[in-house]
Amino acid sequence: MMRRTAFVIALSLLVCSMLAAAMVFRPAALTIRSGDTIVWVNKDIVEHTATSATAGGFDSKMVRPGNSWKHTIRTRGALPYVCTYHPTMKGTLQVK
């Protein structure tokens, strides 16, 4: 039986040195293997989603502050995703 690794992606508010705030996925890009499980953890003070930019892909729905959501990725290739509440939050999973 092959063991799969869980990767964690934080959904968080990144405070920049100029006091401007940007909501981001950290890391924004991650390379994984098909069958790996990703855990998105909301470390922010507002709700977020992790939603596939491809029709029919994954959708966490609302992840409240302090909560998490996990999903096992089986599709290979580049999988871009966004937060539907904050569309400037973008990430990509590169699945081998």
N, C-alpha and C. Protein backbone atom coordinates (compact mmCIF):
# COMPACT_ATOMS: atom_id res chain seq x y z
N MET A 1 0.84 -1.18 0.00
CA MET A 1 0.00 0.00 0.00
C MET A 1 0.88 1.24 0.00
N MET A 2 0.61 2.16 -0.91
CA MET A 2 1.40 3.37 -1.02
C MET A 2 0.89 4.43 -0.05
N ARG A 3 1.79 5.02 0.71
CA ARG A 3 1.44 6.07 1.67
C ARG A 3 1.42 7.42 0.98
N ARG A 4 0.41 8.21 1.25
CA ARG A 4 0.27 9.54 0.64
C ARG A 4 0.55 10.61 1.68
N THR A 5 1.14 11.67 1.23
CA THR A 5 1.48 12.79 2.10
C THR A 5 0.39 13.84 2.06
N ALA A 6 0.10 14.43 3.21
CA ALA A 6 -0.84 15.55 3.26
C ALA A 6 -0.04 16.85 3.24
N PHE A 7 -0.43 17.74 2.39
CA PHE A 7 0.20 19.05 2.30
C PHE A 7 -0.76 20.08 2.87
N VAL A 8 -0.24 21.11 3.49
CA VAL A 8 -1.08 22.15 4.09
C VAL A 8 -0.90 23.45 3.33
N ILE A 9 -2.01 24.07 2.98
CA ILE A 9 -2.00 25.39 2.35
C ILE A 9 -2.77 26.32 3.28
N ALA A 10 -2.15 27.41 3.69
CA ALA A 10 -2.80 28.37 4.58
C ALA A 10 -3.56 29.40 3.77
N LEU A 11 -4.77 29.71 4.23
CA LEU A 11 -5.56 30.80 3.67
C LEU A 11 -5.42 31.93 4.67
N SER A 12 -4.73 32.97 4.30
CA SER A 12 -4.42 33.96 5.32
C SER A 12 -4.30 35.37 4.78
N LEU A 13 -4.29 36.28 5.73
CA LEU A 13 -4.10 37.69 5.44
C LEU A 13 -2.61 37.98 5.58
N LEU A 14 -2.00 38.44 4.53
CA LEU A 14 -0.58 38.75 4.54
C LEU A 14 -0.44 40.27 4.67
N VAL A 15 0.17 40.72 5.75
CA VAL A 15 0.34 42.15 5.97
C VAL A 15 1.70 42.56 5.42
N CYS A 16 1.68 43.48 4.48
CA CYS A 16 2.91 43.93 3.84
C CYS A 16 3.54 45.08 4.62
N SER A 17 4.78 45.40 4.29
CA SER A 17 5.52 46.43 5.02
C SER A 17 4.92 47.82 4.85
N MET A 18 4.15 48.05 3.79
CA MET A 18 3.56 49.37 3.57
C MET A 18 2.17 49.44 4.21
N LEU A 19 1.85 48.49 5.05
CA LEU A 19 0.57 48.40 5.75
C LEU A 19 -0.59 48.09 4.82
N ALA A 20 -0.27 47.71 3.60
CA ALA A 20 -1.32 47.23 2.69
C ALA A 20 -1.50 45.75 2.97
N ALA A 21 -2.72 45.30 2.92
CA ALA A 21 -2.97 43.89 3.20
C ALA A 21 -3.39 43.18 1.93
N ALA A 22 -2.94 41.95 1.78
CA ALA A 22 -3.32 41.12 0.63
C ALA A 22 -3.70 39.75 1.14
N MET A 23 -4.83 39.24 0.68
CA MET A 23 -5.23 37.89 1.04
C MET A 23 -4.58 36.93 0.07
N VAL A 24 -3.96 35.87 0.58
CA VAL A 24 -3.19 34.96 -0.26
C VAL A 24 -3.34 33.51 0.19
N PHE A 25 -3.05 32.60 -0.73
CA PHE A 25 -2.83 31.21 -0.41
C PHE A 25 -1.32 31.06 -0.22
N ARG A 26 -0.91 30.38 0.86
CA ARG A 26 0.52 30.15 1.08
C ARG A 26 0.77 28.68 1.28
N PRO A 27 1.55 28.02 0.43
CA PRO A 27 2.15 28.58 -0.78
C PRO A 27 1.11 28.72 -1.89
N ALA A 28 1.37 29.63 -2.80
CA ALA A 28 0.44 29.87 -3.91
C ALA A 28 0.58 28.79 -4.98
N ALA A 29 1.74 28.15 -5.07
CA ALA A 29 1.96 27.08 -6.03
C ALA A 29 2.58 25.90 -5.29
N LEU A 30 2.10 24.70 -5.63
CA LEU A 30 2.57 23.50 -4.95
C LEU A 30 2.58 22.36 -5.94
N THR A 31 3.66 21.58 -5.95
CA THR A 31 3.74 20.39 -6.80
C THR A 31 3.50 19.17 -5.94
N ILE A 32 2.55 18.33 -6.38
CA ILE A 32 2.17 17.14 -5.62
C ILE A 32 2.05 15.95 -6.58
N ARG A 33 1.75 14.77 -6.01
CA ARG A 33 1.50 13.58 -6.82
C ARG A 33 0.00 13.27 -6.81
N SER A 34 -0.48 12.67 -7.85
CA SER A 34 -1.86 12.23 -7.89
C SER A 34 -2.10 11.29 -6.71
N GLY A 35 -3.19 11.52 -5.98
CA GLY A 35 -3.50 10.73 -4.78
C GLY A 35 -3.10 11.41 -3.49
N ASP A 36 -2.33 12.51 -3.56
CA ASP A 36 -1.97 13.26 -2.36
C ASP A 36 -3.17 14.01 -1.83
N THR A 37 -3.19 14.23 -0.53
CA THR A 37 -4.27 14.98 0.13
C THR A 37 -3.75 16.36 0.50
N ILE A 38 -4.52 17.37 0.16
CA ILE A 38 -4.20 18.76 0.49
C ILE A 38 -5.14 19.21 1.59
N VAL A 39 -4.60 19.92 2.59
CA VAL A 39 -5.40 20.49 3.66
C VAL A 39 -5.26 22.00 3.57
N TRP A 40 -6.38 22.69 3.37
CA TRP A 40 -6.40 24.14 3.39
C TRP A 40 -6.81 24.57 4.79
N VAL A 41 -6.02 25.41 5.45
CA VAL A 41 -6.29 25.87 6.81
C VAL A 41 -6.53 27.37 6.76
N ASN A 42 -7.67 27.81 7.29
CA ASN A 42 -7.99 29.24 7.29
C ASN A 42 -7.40 29.89 8.54
N LYS A 43 -6.32 30.65 8.35
CA LYS A 43 -5.65 31.35 9.44
C LYS A 43 -6.01 32.84 9.42
N ASP A 44 -7.06 33.17 8.72
CA ASP A 44 -7.49 34.56 8.58
C ASP A 44 -8.64 34.84 9.54
N ILE A 45 -9.15 36.06 9.51
CA ILE A 45 -10.28 36.45 10.37
C ILE A 45 -11.60 36.47 9.59
N VAL A 46 -11.54 36.14 8.29
CA VAL A 46 -12.74 36.10 7.44
C VAL A 46 -12.82 34.74 6.75
N GLU A 47 -14.01 34.42 6.20
CA GLU A 47 -14.21 33.17 5.50
C GLU A 47 -13.51 33.18 4.14
N HIS A 48 -13.14 31.97 3.68
CA HIS A 48 -12.52 31.79 2.37
C HIS A 48 -13.03 30.50 1.76
N THR A 49 -12.73 30.31 0.48
CA THR A 49 -12.96 29.03 -0.19
C THR A 49 -11.68 28.63 -0.92
N ALA A 50 -11.60 27.37 -1.26
CA ALA A 50 -10.58 26.86 -2.18
C ALA A 50 -11.40 26.18 -3.28
N THR A 51 -11.54 26.87 -4.40
CA THR A 51 -12.45 26.43 -5.46
C THR A 51 -11.70 26.30 -6.78
N SER A 52 -11.80 25.14 -7.39
CA SER A 52 -11.14 24.88 -8.65
C SER A 52 -11.60 25.89 -9.70
N ALA A 53 -10.66 26.40 -10.47
CA ALA A 53 -10.99 27.33 -11.55
C ALA A 53 -11.49 26.56 -12.77
N THR A 54 -11.44 25.24 -12.72
CA THR A 54 -11.90 24.38 -13.80
C THR A 54 -13.29 23.85 -13.45
N ALA A 55 -14.21 23.93 -14.38
CA ALA A 55 -15.58 23.44 -14.14
C ALA A 55 -15.56 21.98 -13.72
N GLY A 56 -16.35 21.66 -12.71
CA GLY A 56 -16.44 20.29 -12.24
C GLY A 56 -15.34 19.87 -11.29
N GLY A 57 -14.48 20.80 -10.92
CA GLY A 57 -13.37 20.49 -10.01
C GLY A 57 -13.81 20.57 -8.55
N PHE A 58 -12.84 20.68 -7.65
CA PHE A 58 -13.12 20.71 -6.22
C PHE A 58 -13.67 22.05 -5.76
N ASP A 59 -14.39 22.05 -4.65
CA ASP A 59 -14.92 23.27 -4.05
C ASP A 59 -15.10 23.04 -2.55
N SER A 60 -14.36 23.78 -1.77
CA SER A 60 -14.42 23.63 -0.32
C SER A 60 -15.69 24.21 0.29
N LYS A 61 -16.41 25.02 -0.47
CA LYS A 61 -17.48 25.85 0.08
C LYS A 61 -16.83 26.80 1.09
N MET A 62 -17.58 27.30 2.05
CA MET A 62 -17.03 28.27 3.00
C MET A 62 -16.18 27.57 4.07
N VAL A 63 -14.95 28.08 4.25
CA VAL A 63 -14.08 27.61 5.32
C VAL A 63 -13.97 28.77 6.32
N ARG A 64 -14.55 28.58 7.48
CA ARG A 64 -14.56 29.63 8.50
C ARG A 64 -13.18 29.81 9.14
N PRO A 65 -12.92 30.99 9.70
CA PRO A 65 -11.64 31.22 10.39
C PRO A 65 -11.38 30.14 11.43
N GLY A 66 -10.14 29.63 11.44
CA GLY A 66 -9.74 28.60 12.39
C GLY A 66 -10.10 27.19 11.96
N ASN A 67 -10.84 27.04 10.87
CA ASN A 67 -11.24 25.71 10.38
C ASN A 67 -10.38 25.31 9.19
N SER A 68 -10.55 24.07 8.75
CA SER A 68 -9.80 23.57 7.61
C SER A 68 -10.69 22.70 6.73
N TRP A 69 -10.18 22.39 5.55
CA TRP A 69 -10.87 21.52 4.60
C TRP A 69 -9.80 20.72 3.87
N LYS A 70 -10.04 19.43 3.66
CA LYS A 70 -9.06 18.63 2.94
C LYS A 70 -9.70 17.94 1.74
N HIS A 71 -8.84 17.67 0.77
CA HIS A 71 -9.30 17.06 -0.48
C HIS A 71 -8.16 16.24 -1.08
N THR A 72 -8.47 15.06 -1.55
CA THR A 72 -7.49 14.22 -2.23
C THR A 72 -7.56 14.51 -3.72
N ILE A 73 -6.41 14.84 -4.30
CA ILE A 73 -6.33 15.23 -5.71
C ILE A 73 -5.97 14.01 -6.56
N ARG A 74 -6.79 13.73 -7.54
CA ARG A 74 -6.54 12.57 -8.41
C ARG A 74 -6.27 12.97 -9.86
N THR A 75 -6.64 14.19 -10.24
CA THR A 75 -6.44 14.69 -11.60
C THR A 75 -5.00 15.15 -11.78
N ARG A 76 -4.38 14.77 -12.89
CA ARG A 76 -3.01 15.20 -13.18
C ARG A 76 -3.01 16.48 -14.00
N GLY A 77 -1.91 17.23 -13.89
CA GLY A 77 -1.76 18.47 -14.65
C GLY A 77 -1.84 19.68 -13.74
N ALA A 78 -1.96 20.84 -14.34
CA ALA A 78 -2.05 22.09 -13.58
C ALA A 78 -3.50 22.31 -13.16
N LEU A 79 -3.71 22.53 -11.87
CA LEU A 79 -5.05 22.77 -11.33
C LEU A 79 -5.10 24.14 -10.65
N PRO A 80 -5.48 25.16 -11.38
CA PRO A 80 -5.61 26.48 -10.76
C PRO A 80 -6.85 26.52 -9.88
N TYR A 81 -6.78 27.30 -8.79
CA TYR A 81 -7.94 27.46 -7.91
C TYR A 81 -7.96 28.87 -7.35
N VAL A 82 -9.12 29.29 -6.84
CA VAL A 82 -9.32 30.64 -6.32
C VAL A 82 -10.16 30.59 -5.06
N CYS A 83 -10.23 31.72 -4.37
CA CYS A 83 -11.21 31.93 -3.31
C CYS A 83 -12.37 32.66 -3.97
N THR A 84 -13.57 32.09 -3.92
CA THR A 84 -14.70 32.72 -4.59
C THR A 84 -15.12 34.03 -3.94
N TYR A 85 -14.80 34.21 -2.66
CA TYR A 85 -15.12 35.47 -1.97
C TYR A 85 -14.09 36.56 -2.29
N HIS A 86 -12.86 36.15 -2.57
CA HIS A 86 -11.76 37.08 -2.82
C HIS A 86 -11.01 36.61 -4.07
N PRO A 87 -11.52 36.93 -5.27
CA PRO A 87 -10.98 36.37 -6.51
C PRO A 87 -9.53 36.73 -6.82
N THR A 88 -8.95 37.66 -6.09
CA THR A 88 -7.52 37.93 -6.30
C THR A 88 -6.65 36.89 -5.59
N MET A 89 -7.27 36.08 -4.72
CA MET A 89 -6.55 34.96 -4.09
C MET A 89 -6.52 33.83 -5.09
N LYS A 90 -5.33 33.49 -5.58
CA LYS A 90 -5.19 32.46 -6.60
C LYS A 90 -4.09 31.50 -6.20
N GLY A 91 -4.27 30.25 -6.56
CA GLY A 91 -3.25 29.24 -6.32
C GLY A 91 -3.25 28.23 -7.45
N THR A 92 -2.18 27.43 -7.51
CA THR A 92 -2.08 26.38 -8.52
C THR A 92 -1.46 25.13 -7.90
N LEU A 93 -2.10 24.00 -8.16
CA LEU A 93 -1.53 22.72 -7.81
C LEU A 93 -1.00 22.10 -9.10
N GLN A 94 0.26 21.71 -9.10
CA GLN A 94 0.83 21.00 -10.24
C GLN A 94 0.88 19.54 -9.83
N VAL A 95 0.04 18.72 -10.46
CA VAL A 95 -0.11 17.32 -10.05
C VAL A 95 0.60 16.42 -11.05
N LYS A 96 1.55 15.62 -10.55
CA LYS A 96 2.32 14.70 -11.40
C LYS A 96 1.77 13.31 -11.30
